[in-house]
């Protein structure tokens, strides 16, 4: 003889609401847009190569046009001096470039390109400053009775 299964209705909807509110509070908040070298990436952007998550190449969370506008708005809002290279195509790749004209920024250039339907963002960081050269060596002392 099969076992009997009894399903009990919830005693109140308040219990269901409380349970869902507690579950929502336990979830982490959605992540804010990531910033790399001082450049905010569009929401949903991620590393282009999961094997190297610390690289400076990202797959954009938006399309090409929206990504270019996102960077333009950021540069305009912050008043960052830059040169914008007009959008151009090389074969099957569409490219937009922003070059820094301020020497103390953490980035030299931002390249946005679309290839095979994907939009990528490459941020070229400013290279670390070279250490200052060592002071010149002092000549050895000469003996006091030398000619």
N, C-alpha and C. Protein backbone atom coordinates (compact mmCIF):
# COMPACT_ATOMS: atom_id res chain seq x y z
N UNK A 1 0.85 -1.17 0.00
CA UNK A 1 0.00 0.00 0.00
C UNK A 1 0.90 1.24 0.00
N UNK A 2 0.65 2.24 -0.89
CA UNK A 2 1.48 3.43 -0.94
C UNK A 2 1.30 4.29 0.30
N UNK A 3 2.40 4.99 0.66
CA UNK A 3 2.37 5.88 1.83
C UNK A 3 1.57 7.12 1.49
N UNK A 4 0.89 7.62 2.49
CA UNK A 4 0.09 8.82 2.31
C UNK A 4 0.95 10.05 2.53
N UNK A 5 0.82 11.05 1.65
CA UNK A 5 1.56 12.30 1.79
C UNK A 5 0.55 13.40 2.01
N UNK A 6 0.79 14.16 3.04
CA UNK A 6 -0.11 15.26 3.35
C UNK A 6 0.68 16.55 3.21
N UNK A 7 0.15 17.50 2.46
CA UNK A 7 0.79 18.79 2.29
C UNK A 7 -0.01 19.79 3.11
N UNK A 8 0.68 20.44 4.05
CA UNK A 8 0.01 21.40 4.91
C UNK A 8 0.15 22.80 4.31
N UNK A 9 -0.93 23.53 4.18
CA UNK A 9 -0.82 24.91 3.70
C UNK A 9 -0.12 25.78 4.74
N UNK A 10 0.52 26.83 4.27
CA UNK A 10 1.17 27.75 5.21
C UNK A 10 0.10 28.37 6.10
N UNK A 11 0.47 28.54 7.34
CA UNK A 11 -0.50 29.10 8.28
C UNK A 11 -0.77 30.57 7.99
N UNK A 12 0.22 31.26 7.46
CA UNK A 12 -0.04 32.66 7.12
C UNK A 12 0.93 33.11 6.04
N UNK A 13 0.52 34.07 5.32
CA UNK A 13 1.40 34.62 4.28
C UNK A 13 2.54 35.43 4.91
N UNK A 14 2.35 35.88 6.13
CA UNK A 14 3.38 36.66 6.81
C UNK A 14 4.64 35.82 6.99
N UNK A 15 4.49 34.55 7.26
CA UNK A 15 5.65 33.68 7.42
C UNK A 15 6.44 33.57 6.11
N UNK A 16 5.73 33.48 4.99
CA UNK A 16 6.37 33.41 3.69
C UNK A 16 7.10 34.72 3.38
N UNK A 17 6.47 35.84 3.66
CA UNK A 17 7.10 37.14 3.44
C UNK A 17 8.33 37.31 4.30
N UNK A 18 8.26 36.90 5.55
CA UNK A 18 9.40 37.00 6.45
C UNK A 18 10.55 36.13 5.97
N UNK A 19 10.25 34.92 5.52
CA UNK A 19 11.29 34.02 5.03
C UNK A 19 11.96 34.59 3.78
N UNK A 20 11.20 35.15 2.86
CA UNK A 20 11.81 35.70 1.65
C UNK A 20 12.61 36.96 1.96
N UNK A 21 12.17 37.77 2.93
CA UNK A 21 12.93 38.96 3.31
C UNK A 21 14.24 38.58 3.95
N UNK A 22 14.23 37.56 4.78
CA UNK A 22 15.48 37.11 5.41
C UNK A 22 16.44 36.53 4.38
N UNK A 23 15.92 35.81 3.41
CA UNK A 23 16.76 35.25 2.37
C UNK A 23 17.38 36.36 1.52
N UNK A 24 16.62 37.39 1.21
CA UNK A 24 17.13 38.51 0.41
C UNK A 24 18.20 39.28 1.17
N UNK A 25 18.03 39.42 2.48
CA UNK A 25 19.01 40.14 3.28
C UNK A 25 20.32 39.37 3.38
N UNK A 26 20.26 38.06 3.27
CA UNK A 26 21.48 37.26 3.39
C UNK A 26 22.31 37.28 2.11
N UNK A 27 21.68 37.63 0.97
CA UNK A 27 22.42 37.68 -0.29
C UNK A 27 23.30 38.93 -0.33
N UNK A 28 24.46 38.82 -0.95
CA UNK A 28 25.29 40.02 -1.07
C UNK A 28 24.65 41.02 -2.03
N UNK A 29 24.94 42.29 -1.80
CA UNK A 29 24.41 43.34 -2.68
C UNK A 29 25.06 43.21 -4.05
N UNK A 30 24.39 43.64 -5.10
CA UNK A 30 25.00 43.57 -6.42
C UNK A 30 26.29 44.39 -6.44
N UNK A 31 27.28 43.88 -7.11
CA UNK A 31 28.57 44.56 -7.14
C UNK A 31 28.47 45.84 -7.94
N UNK A 32 29.15 46.87 -7.47
CA UNK A 32 29.22 48.13 -8.20
C UNK A 32 30.17 47.93 -9.38
N UNK A 33 30.12 48.85 -10.31
CA UNK A 33 30.99 48.75 -11.47
C UNK A 33 32.45 48.76 -11.02
N UNK A 34 33.25 47.94 -11.65
CA UNK A 34 34.65 47.80 -11.31
C UNK A 34 35.43 48.98 -11.88
N UNK A 35 36.46 49.41 -11.14
CA UNK A 35 37.33 50.48 -11.60
C UNK A 35 38.74 49.92 -11.74
N UNK A 36 39.37 50.15 -12.90
CA UNK A 36 40.71 49.65 -13.17
C UNK A 36 41.58 50.84 -13.56
N UNK A 37 42.67 51.05 -12.84
CA UNK A 37 43.58 52.17 -13.10
C UNK A 37 42.83 53.49 -13.13
N UNK A 38 41.81 53.63 -12.29
CA UNK A 38 41.04 54.86 -12.23
C UNK A 38 39.98 54.99 -13.30
N UNK A 39 39.80 53.99 -14.13
CA UNK A 39 38.80 54.02 -15.20
C UNK A 39 37.65 53.09 -14.81
N UNK A 40 36.43 53.63 -14.63
CA UNK A 40 35.31 52.75 -14.30
C UNK A 40 34.85 51.96 -15.53
N UNK A 41 34.68 50.68 -15.35
CA UNK A 41 34.20 49.82 -16.44
C UNK A 41 32.67 49.78 -16.39
N UNK A 42 32.04 49.56 -17.53
CA UNK A 42 30.58 49.42 -17.52
C UNK A 42 30.16 48.21 -16.67
N UNK A 43 28.99 48.31 -16.09
CA UNK A 43 28.46 47.21 -15.28
C UNK A 43 28.42 45.93 -16.11
N UNK A 44 28.79 44.83 -15.47
CA UNK A 44 28.76 43.55 -16.15
C UNK A 44 30.06 43.21 -16.85
N UNK A 45 31.03 44.12 -16.83
CA UNK A 45 32.32 43.84 -17.48
C UNK A 45 33.08 42.81 -16.65
N UNK A 46 33.88 42.02 -17.33
CA UNK A 46 34.65 40.99 -16.64
C UNK A 46 35.97 40.79 -17.37
N UNK A 47 36.87 40.10 -16.72
CA UNK A 47 38.17 39.84 -17.32
C UNK A 47 37.98 39.03 -18.60
N UNK A 48 38.70 39.41 -19.64
CA UNK A 48 38.57 38.71 -20.92
C UNK A 48 39.18 37.33 -20.87
N UNK A 49 40.15 37.13 -19.97
CA UNK A 49 40.81 35.84 -19.84
C UNK A 49 40.69 35.37 -18.40
N UNK A 50 39.77 34.46 -18.10
CA UNK A 50 39.60 34.01 -16.72
C UNK A 50 40.86 33.41 -16.11
N UNK A 51 41.78 32.92 -16.95
CA UNK A 51 43.02 32.35 -16.42
C UNK A 51 43.95 33.45 -15.89
N UNK A 52 43.75 34.69 -16.36
CA UNK A 52 44.57 35.83 -15.91
C UNK A 52 43.64 36.98 -15.49
N UNK A 53 42.97 36.83 -14.34
CA UNK A 53 41.98 37.85 -13.96
C UNK A 53 42.57 39.21 -13.63
N UNK A 54 43.89 39.30 -13.45
CA UNK A 54 44.51 40.59 -13.13
C UNK A 54 45.01 41.32 -14.36
N UNK A 55 44.71 40.81 -15.55
CA UNK A 55 45.17 41.49 -16.76
C UNK A 55 44.38 42.78 -16.95
N UNK A 56 44.76 43.58 -17.92
CA UNK A 56 44.12 44.85 -18.19
C UNK A 56 43.22 44.78 -19.42
N UNK A 57 42.78 43.58 -19.79
CA UNK A 57 41.88 43.37 -20.91
C UNK A 57 40.55 42.82 -20.38
N UNK A 58 39.45 43.48 -20.75
CA UNK A 58 38.15 43.12 -20.22
C UNK A 58 37.13 42.97 -21.35
N UNK A 59 36.16 42.11 -21.13
CA UNK A 59 35.00 42.01 -22.00
C UNK A 59 33.97 42.96 -21.41
N UNK A 60 33.48 43.88 -22.23
CA UNK A 60 32.54 44.89 -21.73
C UNK A 60 31.18 44.28 -21.46
N UNK A 61 30.51 44.82 -20.47
CA UNK A 61 29.15 44.40 -20.16
C UNK A 61 28.12 45.08 -21.04
N UNK A 62 28.57 45.97 -21.93
CA UNK A 62 27.69 46.68 -22.85
C UNK A 62 28.19 46.50 -24.28
N UNK A 63 27.44 47.02 -25.22
CA UNK A 63 27.85 46.98 -26.61
C UNK A 63 28.93 48.01 -26.90
N UNK A 64 29.42 48.02 -28.13
CA UNK A 64 30.52 48.92 -28.50
C UNK A 64 30.14 50.38 -28.30
N UNK A 65 29.03 50.79 -28.87
CA UNK A 65 28.63 52.20 -28.80
C UNK A 65 28.41 52.66 -27.36
N UNK A 66 27.72 51.84 -26.57
CA UNK A 66 27.47 52.20 -25.17
C UNK A 66 28.76 52.26 -24.36
N UNK A 67 29.70 51.38 -24.65
CA UNK A 67 30.97 51.38 -23.94
C UNK A 67 31.78 52.63 -24.26
N UNK A 68 31.80 53.02 -25.53
CA UNK A 68 32.52 54.25 -25.92
C UNK A 68 31.89 55.45 -25.23
N UNK A 69 30.56 55.52 -25.21
CA UNK A 69 29.88 56.64 -24.54
C UNK A 69 30.14 56.64 -23.04
N UNK A 70 30.22 55.47 -22.44
CA UNK A 70 30.51 55.35 -21.01
C UNK A 70 31.86 55.99 -20.70
N UNK A 71 32.88 55.68 -21.49
CA UNK A 71 34.22 56.23 -21.27
C UNK A 71 34.22 57.73 -21.56
N UNK A 72 33.58 58.16 -22.63
CA UNK A 72 33.49 59.61 -22.95
C UNK A 72 32.88 60.39 -21.79
N UNK A 73 31.76 59.89 -21.27
CA UNK A 73 31.09 60.57 -20.16
C UNK A 73 31.99 60.65 -18.95
N UNK A 74 32.70 59.57 -18.64
CA UNK A 74 33.60 59.58 -17.48
C UNK A 74 34.71 60.62 -17.65
N UNK A 75 35.32 60.65 -18.83
CA UNK A 75 36.41 61.60 -19.06
C UNK A 75 35.91 63.04 -19.03
N UNK A 76 34.72 63.28 -19.56
CA UNK A 76 34.16 64.62 -19.55
C UNK A 76 33.79 65.04 -18.14
N UNK A 77 33.16 64.13 -17.38
CA UNK A 77 32.73 64.42 -16.02
C UNK A 77 33.92 64.72 -15.11
N UNK A 78 35.02 64.00 -15.29
CA UNK A 78 36.20 64.21 -14.43
C UNK A 78 37.10 65.32 -14.96
N UNK A 79 36.87 65.80 -16.18
CA UNK A 79 37.70 66.87 -16.73
C UNK A 79 39.10 66.40 -17.07
N UNK A 80 39.26 65.12 -17.35
CA UNK A 80 40.57 64.55 -17.66
C UNK A 80 41.01 64.99 -19.05
N UNK A 81 42.19 65.65 -19.16
CA UNK A 81 42.67 66.01 -20.50
C UNK A 81 43.06 64.76 -21.28
N UNK A 82 42.52 64.63 -22.48
CA UNK A 82 42.77 63.44 -23.27
C UNK A 82 42.61 63.76 -24.75
N UNK A 83 43.09 62.87 -25.58
CA UNK A 83 42.89 62.97 -27.02
C UNK A 83 42.05 61.77 -27.42
N UNK A 84 40.98 62.04 -28.14
CA UNK A 84 40.13 60.95 -28.63
C UNK A 84 40.45 60.72 -30.09
N UNK A 85 40.86 59.50 -30.41
CA UNK A 85 41.10 59.12 -31.80
C UNK A 85 39.74 58.71 -32.37
N UNK A 86 39.34 59.28 -33.50
CA UNK A 86 38.02 58.91 -34.06
C UNK A 86 37.91 57.40 -34.31
N UNK A 87 36.70 56.91 -34.21
CA UNK A 87 36.44 55.48 -34.40
C UNK A 87 36.83 55.08 -35.82
N UNK A 88 37.53 53.95 -35.92
CA UNK A 88 37.95 53.47 -37.24
C UNK A 88 37.86 51.95 -37.28
N UNK A 89 37.93 51.41 -38.49
CA UNK A 89 37.88 49.95 -38.69
C UNK A 89 39.18 49.49 -39.31
N UNK A 90 39.67 48.36 -38.86
CA UNK A 90 40.81 47.66 -39.47
C UNK A 90 40.33 46.24 -39.71
N UNK A 91 39.99 45.95 -40.93
CA UNK A 91 39.45 44.62 -41.24
C UNK A 91 38.12 44.43 -40.53
N UNK A 92 38.03 43.38 -39.73
CA UNK A 92 36.79 43.07 -39.03
C UNK A 92 36.76 43.65 -37.62
N UNK A 93 37.68 44.57 -37.29
CA UNK A 93 37.78 45.12 -35.94
C UNK A 93 37.44 46.61 -35.98
N UNK A 94 36.54 47.03 -35.11
CA UNK A 94 36.19 48.44 -34.95
C UNK A 94 36.86 48.93 -33.68
N UNK A 95 37.54 50.10 -33.76
CA UNK A 95 38.37 50.56 -32.65
C UNK A 95 38.05 52.01 -32.28
N UNK A 96 38.01 52.31 -30.98
CA UNK A 96 37.95 53.67 -30.44
C UNK A 96 39.09 53.78 -29.43
N UNK A 97 39.79 54.91 -29.46
CA UNK A 97 40.95 55.07 -28.56
C UNK A 97 40.88 56.41 -27.85
N UNK A 98 41.30 56.39 -26.59
CA UNK A 98 41.41 57.60 -25.77
C UNK A 98 42.83 57.61 -25.21
N UNK A 99 43.56 58.69 -25.46
CA UNK A 99 44.95 58.77 -25.02
C UNK A 99 45.07 59.87 -23.98
N UNK A 100 45.70 59.57 -22.86
CA UNK A 100 45.87 60.51 -21.77
C UNK A 100 46.80 61.65 -22.17
N UNK A 101 46.45 62.86 -21.77
CA UNK A 101 47.30 64.02 -21.97
C UNK A 101 47.68 64.64 -20.63
N UNK A 102 47.52 63.86 -19.57
CA UNK A 102 47.88 64.29 -18.22
C UNK A 102 48.94 63.32 -17.71
N UNK A 103 50.13 63.81 -17.36
CA UNK A 103 51.23 62.90 -17.04
C UNK A 103 51.08 62.07 -15.77
N UNK A 104 50.29 62.48 -14.81
CA UNK A 104 50.25 61.75 -13.54
C UNK A 104 49.06 60.80 -13.41
N UNK A 105 48.40 60.45 -14.50
CA UNK A 105 47.29 59.50 -14.44
C UNK A 105 47.81 58.07 -14.35
N UNK A 106 47.04 57.16 -13.77
CA UNK A 106 47.49 55.76 -13.69
C UNK A 106 47.32 55.01 -15.01
N UNK A 107 46.78 55.64 -16.05
CA UNK A 107 46.63 54.99 -17.35
C UNK A 107 47.17 55.89 -18.45
N UNK A 108 47.71 55.27 -19.49
CA UNK A 108 48.20 56.00 -20.66
C UNK A 108 47.16 56.06 -21.76
N UNK A 109 46.42 54.95 -21.96
CA UNK A 109 45.45 54.89 -23.04
C UNK A 109 44.34 53.91 -22.68
N UNK A 110 43.18 54.15 -23.29
CA UNK A 110 42.04 53.24 -23.19
C UNK A 110 41.66 52.88 -24.61
N UNK A 111 41.67 51.60 -24.91
CA UNK A 111 41.31 51.12 -26.24
C UNK A 111 40.02 50.31 -26.10
N UNK A 112 39.04 50.65 -26.90
CA UNK A 112 37.78 49.90 -26.94
C UNK A 112 37.67 49.34 -28.34
N UNK A 113 37.49 48.04 -28.44
CA UNK A 113 37.39 47.45 -29.77
C UNK A 113 36.36 46.35 -29.79
N UNK A 114 35.78 46.19 -30.98
CA UNK A 114 34.76 45.16 -31.17
C UNK A 114 35.27 44.20 -32.23
N UNK A 115 35.22 42.93 -31.87
CA UNK A 115 35.68 41.88 -32.77
C UNK A 115 34.77 40.67 -32.58
N UNK A 116 34.33 40.09 -33.66
CA UNK A 116 33.44 38.92 -33.65
C UNK A 116 32.24 39.11 -32.72
N UNK A 117 31.67 40.33 -32.72
CA UNK A 117 30.47 40.59 -31.95
C UNK A 117 30.70 40.86 -30.48
N UNK A 118 31.93 40.82 -30.01
CA UNK A 118 32.23 41.09 -28.60
C UNK A 118 32.93 42.44 -28.50
N UNK A 119 32.65 43.15 -27.41
CA UNK A 119 33.31 44.44 -27.16
C UNK A 119 34.33 44.26 -26.05
N UNK A 120 35.54 44.69 -26.31
CA UNK A 120 36.64 44.58 -25.36
C UNK A 120 37.12 45.96 -24.94
N UNK A 121 37.64 46.05 -23.73
CA UNK A 121 38.26 47.28 -23.22
C UNK A 121 39.66 46.91 -22.78
N UNK A 122 40.65 47.61 -23.32
CA UNK A 122 42.04 47.41 -22.91
C UNK A 122 42.53 48.71 -22.30
N UNK A 123 43.01 48.65 -21.07
CA UNK A 123 43.52 49.83 -20.39
C UNK A 123 45.03 49.67 -20.28
N UNK A 124 45.74 50.62 -20.86
CA UNK A 124 47.21 50.58 -20.84
C UNK A 124 47.67 51.37 -19.63
N UNK A 125 48.27 50.70 -18.63
CA UNK A 125 48.69 51.41 -17.42
C UNK A 125 49.96 52.24 -17.65
N UNK A 126 50.13 53.25 -16.83
CA UNK A 126 51.36 54.03 -16.86
C UNK A 126 52.46 53.15 -16.29
N UNK A 127 53.61 53.06 -16.97
CA UNK A 127 54.69 52.22 -16.43
C UNK A 127 55.23 52.82 -15.13
N UNK A 128 55.74 51.97 -14.26
CA UNK A 128 56.29 52.50 -13.01
C UNK A 128 57.48 53.41 -13.31
N UNK A 129 57.63 54.41 -12.47
CA UNK A 129 58.74 55.35 -12.64
C UNK A 129 60.07 54.64 -12.43
N UNK A 130 61.02 54.99 -13.27
CA UNK A 130 62.36 54.40 -13.14
C UNK A 130 63.02 54.99 -11.89
N UNK A 131 63.78 54.18 -11.17
CA UNK A 131 64.46 54.72 -9.99
C UNK A 131 65.49 55.76 -10.42
N UNK A 132 65.74 56.76 -9.58
CA UNK A 132 66.73 57.77 -9.96
C UNK A 132 68.11 57.14 -10.06
N UNK A 133 68.96 57.70 -10.96
CA UNK A 133 70.30 57.13 -11.10
C UNK A 133 71.10 57.35 -9.82
N UNK A 134 72.03 56.44 -9.52
CA UNK A 134 72.82 56.61 -8.31
C UNK A 134 73.74 57.83 -8.45
N UNK A 135 74.11 58.46 -7.34
CA UNK A 135 75.00 59.62 -7.42
C UNK A 135 76.36 59.19 -7.97
N UNK A 136 77.07 60.11 -8.63
CA UNK A 136 78.39 59.73 -9.16
C UNK A 136 79.33 59.33 -8.03
N UNK A 137 80.18 58.37 -8.34
CA UNK A 137 81.13 57.88 -7.33
C UNK A 137 82.22 58.93 -7.12
N UNK A 138 82.66 59.07 -5.87
CA UNK A 138 83.74 60.01 -5.54
C UNK A 138 85.06 59.40 -5.96
N UNK A 139 85.96 60.24 -6.49
CA UNK A 139 87.28 59.68 -6.84
C UNK A 139 88.03 59.27 -5.57
N UNK A 140 88.88 58.26 -5.68
CA UNK A 140 89.61 57.83 -4.48
C UNK A 140 90.53 58.96 -4.00
N UNK A 141 90.72 59.03 -2.70
CA UNK A 141 91.61 60.10 -2.17
C UNK A 141 93.05 59.87 -2.64
N UNK A 142 93.73 60.98 -2.92
CA UNK A 142 95.15 60.88 -3.32
C UNK A 142 96.03 60.99 -2.10
N UNK A 143 97.14 60.30 -2.11
CA UNK A 143 98.07 60.43 -0.96
C UNK A 143 98.53 61.88 -0.83
N UNK A 144 98.79 62.32 0.37
CA UNK A 144 99.11 63.73 0.62
C UNK A 144 100.46 64.15 0.02
N UNK A 145 101.39 63.26 -0.18
CA UNK A 145 102.70 63.62 -0.73
C UNK A 145 102.78 63.36 -2.22
N UNK A 146 101.70 63.09 -2.89
CA UNK A 146 101.74 62.77 -4.32
C UNK A 146 101.91 64.03 -5.14
N UNK A 147 102.65 63.95 -6.30
CA UNK A 147 102.84 65.15 -7.13
C UNK A 147 101.65 65.53 -7.92
